[in-house]
Amino acid sequence: MTKLIERVNITTGSERDAAVADLNAFFERDLPLVPTTNIVVVSASRVPAEVFNIAPTMYFDFH
């Protein structure tokens, strides 16, 4: 898998698309978990986590 990741990192364009497809196929064969969503959410806040947090369920968590 490390070699596939390196290939993704050093290629561009259609070669990178093929490398990503190979990496995804490898991961699917050795899938250690069940994906439950295809959406990734990244958030940032200057408010301390003790006051405000986004729970893994995507609900706002106020303390």
N, C-alpha and C. Protein backbone atom coordinates (compact mmCIF):
# COMPACT_ATOMS: atom_id res chain seq x y z
N MET A 1 0.82 -1.19 0.00
CA MET A 1 0.00 0.00 0.00
C MET A 1 0.87 1.25 0.00
N THR A 2 2.01 1.20 0.67
CA THR A 2 2.90 2.36 0.72
C THR A 2 3.36 2.75 -0.67
N LYS A 3 3.68 1.76 -1.50
CA LYS A 3 4.12 2.07 -2.87
C LYS A 3 2.99 2.69 -3.68
N LEU A 4 1.76 2.23 -3.45
CA LEU A 4 0.63 2.83 -4.16
C LEU A 4 0.41 4.27 -3.72
N ILE A 5 0.55 4.54 -2.43
CA ILE A 5 0.40 5.91 -1.93
C ILE A 5 1.48 6.80 -2.51
N GLU A 6 2.71 6.30 -2.57
CA GLU A 6 3.80 7.08 -3.16
C GLU A 6 3.51 7.39 -4.62
N ARG A 7 2.95 6.40 -5.33
CA ARG A 7 2.62 6.59 -6.74
C ARG A 7 1.55 7.68 -6.91
N VAL A 8 0.57 7.70 -6.01
CA VAL A 8 -0.45 8.75 -6.06
C VAL A 8 0.19 10.11 -5.82
N ASN A 9 1.13 10.17 -4.88
CA ASN A 9 1.74 11.45 -4.51
C ASN A 9 2.67 12.02 -5.58
N ILE A 10 3.25 11.17 -6.42
CA ILE A 10 4.23 11.68 -7.39
C ILE A 10 3.69 11.80 -8.81
N THR A 11 2.49 11.31 -9.07
CA THR A 11 1.94 11.38 -10.42
C THR A 11 0.89 12.49 -10.53
N THR A 12 0.55 12.82 -11.76
CA THR A 12 -0.48 13.84 -12.01
C THR A 12 -1.37 13.37 -13.15
N GLY A 13 -2.48 14.08 -13.31
CA GLY A 13 -3.38 13.83 -14.43
C GLY A 13 -3.96 12.43 -14.45
N SER A 14 -4.03 11.86 -15.65
CA SER A 14 -4.64 10.54 -15.80
C SER A 14 -3.83 9.44 -15.11
N GLU A 15 -2.51 9.63 -15.02
CA GLU A 15 -1.67 8.65 -14.30
C GLU A 15 -2.05 8.63 -12.82
N ARG A 16 -2.31 9.82 -12.26
CA ARG A 16 -2.72 9.88 -10.85
C ARG A 16 -4.11 9.26 -10.67
N ASP A 17 -5.02 9.52 -11.60
CA ASP A 17 -6.35 8.92 -11.53
C ASP A 17 -6.25 7.39 -11.51
N ALA A 18 -5.38 6.85 -12.36
CA ALA A 18 -5.18 5.39 -12.39
C ALA A 18 -4.57 4.89 -11.08
N ALA A 19 -3.62 5.66 -10.53
CA ALA A 19 -2.99 5.27 -9.27
C ALA A 19 -4.00 5.29 -8.13
N VAL A 20 -4.88 6.30 -8.11
CA VAL A 20 -5.93 6.36 -7.08
C VAL A 20 -6.88 5.18 -7.23
N ALA A 21 -7.24 4.84 -8.46
CA ALA A 21 -8.13 3.70 -8.69
C ALA A 21 -7.47 2.41 -8.20
N ASP A 22 -6.18 2.24 -8.46
CA ASP A 22 -5.46 1.05 -7.98
C ASP A 22 -5.43 1.02 -6.46
N LEU A 23 -5.18 2.17 -5.83
CA LEU A 23 -5.14 2.25 -4.37
C LEU A 23 -6.51 1.93 -3.78
N ASN A 24 -7.57 2.48 -4.37
CA ASN A 24 -8.91 2.19 -3.87
C ASN A 24 -9.26 0.72 -4.03
N ALA A 25 -8.87 0.11 -5.15
CA ALA A 25 -9.15 -1.32 -5.36
C ALA A 25 -8.41 -2.16 -4.33
N PHE A 26 -7.17 -1.81 -4.05
CA PHE A 26 -6.39 -2.53 -3.03
C PHE A 26 -7.05 -2.40 -1.66
N PHE A 27 -7.46 -1.19 -1.32
CA PHE A 27 -8.10 -0.95 -0.02
C PHE A 27 -9.41 -1.72 0.09
N GLU A 28 -10.19 -1.76 -0.99
CA GLU A 28 -11.46 -2.49 -0.96
C GLU A 28 -11.25 -3.98 -0.72
N ARG A 29 -10.18 -4.54 -1.28
CA ARG A 29 -9.89 -5.96 -1.06
C ARG A 29 -9.50 -6.23 0.38
N ASP A 30 -8.86 -5.27 1.01
CA ASP A 30 -8.35 -5.46 2.37
C ASP A 30 -9.10 -4.55 3.35
N LEU A 31 -10.37 -4.30 3.07
CA LEU A 31 -11.16 -3.32 3.82
C LEU A 31 -11.28 -3.68 5.30
N PRO A 32 -10.64 -2.88 6.17
CA PRO A 32 -10.69 -3.18 7.60
C PRO A 32 -11.91 -2.56 8.29
N LEU A 33 -12.70 -1.81 7.56
CA LEU A 33 -13.85 -1.15 8.15
C LEU A 33 -14.94 -0.99 7.11
N VAL A 34 -16.11 -0.65 7.55
CA VAL A 34 -17.23 -0.45 6.64
C VAL A 34 -17.49 1.05 6.52
N PRO A 35 -17.32 1.63 5.33
CA PRO A 35 -17.60 3.05 5.20
C PRO A 35 -19.09 3.32 5.37
N THR A 36 -19.41 4.32 6.14
CA THR A 36 -20.82 4.64 6.37
C THR A 36 -21.23 5.92 5.66
N THR A 37 -20.28 6.63 5.10
CA THR A 37 -20.58 7.87 4.39
C THR A 37 -19.48 8.17 3.39
N ASN A 38 -19.80 8.94 2.39
CA ASN A 38 -18.78 9.36 1.44
C ASN A 38 -18.54 10.86 1.55
N ILE A 39 -18.99 11.45 2.65
CA ILE A 39 -18.83 12.88 2.87
C ILE A 39 -17.84 13.11 4.02
N VAL A 40 -16.89 13.97 3.81
CA VAL A 40 -15.93 14.32 4.85
C VAL A 40 -16.18 15.77 5.24
N VAL A 41 -16.28 16.01 6.51
CA VAL A 41 -16.50 17.37 7.00
C VAL A 41 -15.32 17.76 7.87
N VAL A 42 -14.73 18.89 7.55
CA VAL A 42 -13.63 19.42 8.34
C VAL A 42 -14.08 20.77 8.87
N SER A 43 -13.90 20.97 10.16
CA SER A 43 -14.30 22.24 10.74
C SER A 43 -13.23 22.74 11.68
N ALA A 44 -13.25 24.03 11.91
CA ALA A 44 -12.30 24.64 12.83
C ALA A 44 -13.03 25.75 13.59
N SER A 45 -12.61 25.98 14.81
CA SER A 45 -13.24 27.00 15.63
C SER A 45 -12.23 27.56 16.60
N ARG A 46 -12.37 28.84 16.88
CA ARG A 46 -11.53 29.45 17.91
C ARG A 46 -12.14 29.29 19.29
N VAL A 47 -13.36 28.81 19.34
CA VAL A 47 -14.02 28.58 20.62
C VAL A 47 -13.45 27.28 21.20
N PRO A 48 -13.07 27.27 22.48
CA PRO A 48 -12.51 26.06 23.08
C PRO A 48 -13.46 24.87 22.98
N ALA A 49 -12.91 23.68 22.80
CA ALA A 49 -13.71 22.46 22.67
C ALA A 49 -14.54 22.19 23.92
N GLU A 50 -14.12 22.74 25.07
CA GLU A 50 -14.88 22.55 26.30
C GLU A 50 -16.20 23.32 26.26
N VAL A 51 -16.28 24.32 25.37
CA VAL A 51 -17.48 25.15 25.27
C VAL A 51 -18.35 24.72 24.08
N PHE A 52 -17.71 24.45 22.96
CA PHE A 52 -18.44 24.13 21.74
C PHE A 52 -17.68 23.07 20.97
N ASN A 53 -18.39 22.07 20.50
CA ASN A 53 -17.75 20.98 19.79
C ASN A 53 -18.74 20.43 18.77
N ILE A 54 -18.23 19.83 17.71
CA ILE A 54 -19.08 19.12 16.77
C ILE A 54 -18.88 17.63 17.02
N ALA A 55 -19.95 16.97 17.42
CA ALA A 55 -19.89 15.54 17.73
C ALA A 55 -19.70 14.73 16.45
N PRO A 56 -19.21 13.49 16.55
CA PRO A 56 -19.04 12.65 15.37
C PRO A 56 -20.36 12.45 14.60
N THR A 57 -21.47 12.63 15.27
CA THR A 57 -22.77 12.50 14.61
C THR A 57 -23.16 13.77 13.87
N MET A 58 -22.27 14.79 13.89
CA MET A 58 -22.44 16.07 13.22
C MET A 58 -23.42 16.99 13.94
N TYR A 59 -23.73 16.69 15.18
CA TYR A 59 -24.56 17.60 15.98
C TYR A 59 -23.64 18.57 16.72
N PHE A 60 -24.10 19.80 16.87
CA PHE A 60 -23.35 20.77 17.64
C PHE A 60 -23.50 20.42 19.11
N ASP A 61 -22.43 20.43 19.81
CA ASP A 61 -22.40 20.01 21.21
C ASP A 61 -21.97 21.21 22.05
N PHE A 62 -22.94 21.82 22.76
CA PHE A 62 -22.65 22.97 23.61
C PHE A 62 -22.51 22.49 25.04
N HIS A 63 -21.55 23.02 25.77
CA HIS A 63 -21.34 22.62 27.17
C HIS A 63 -21.65 23.78 28.09
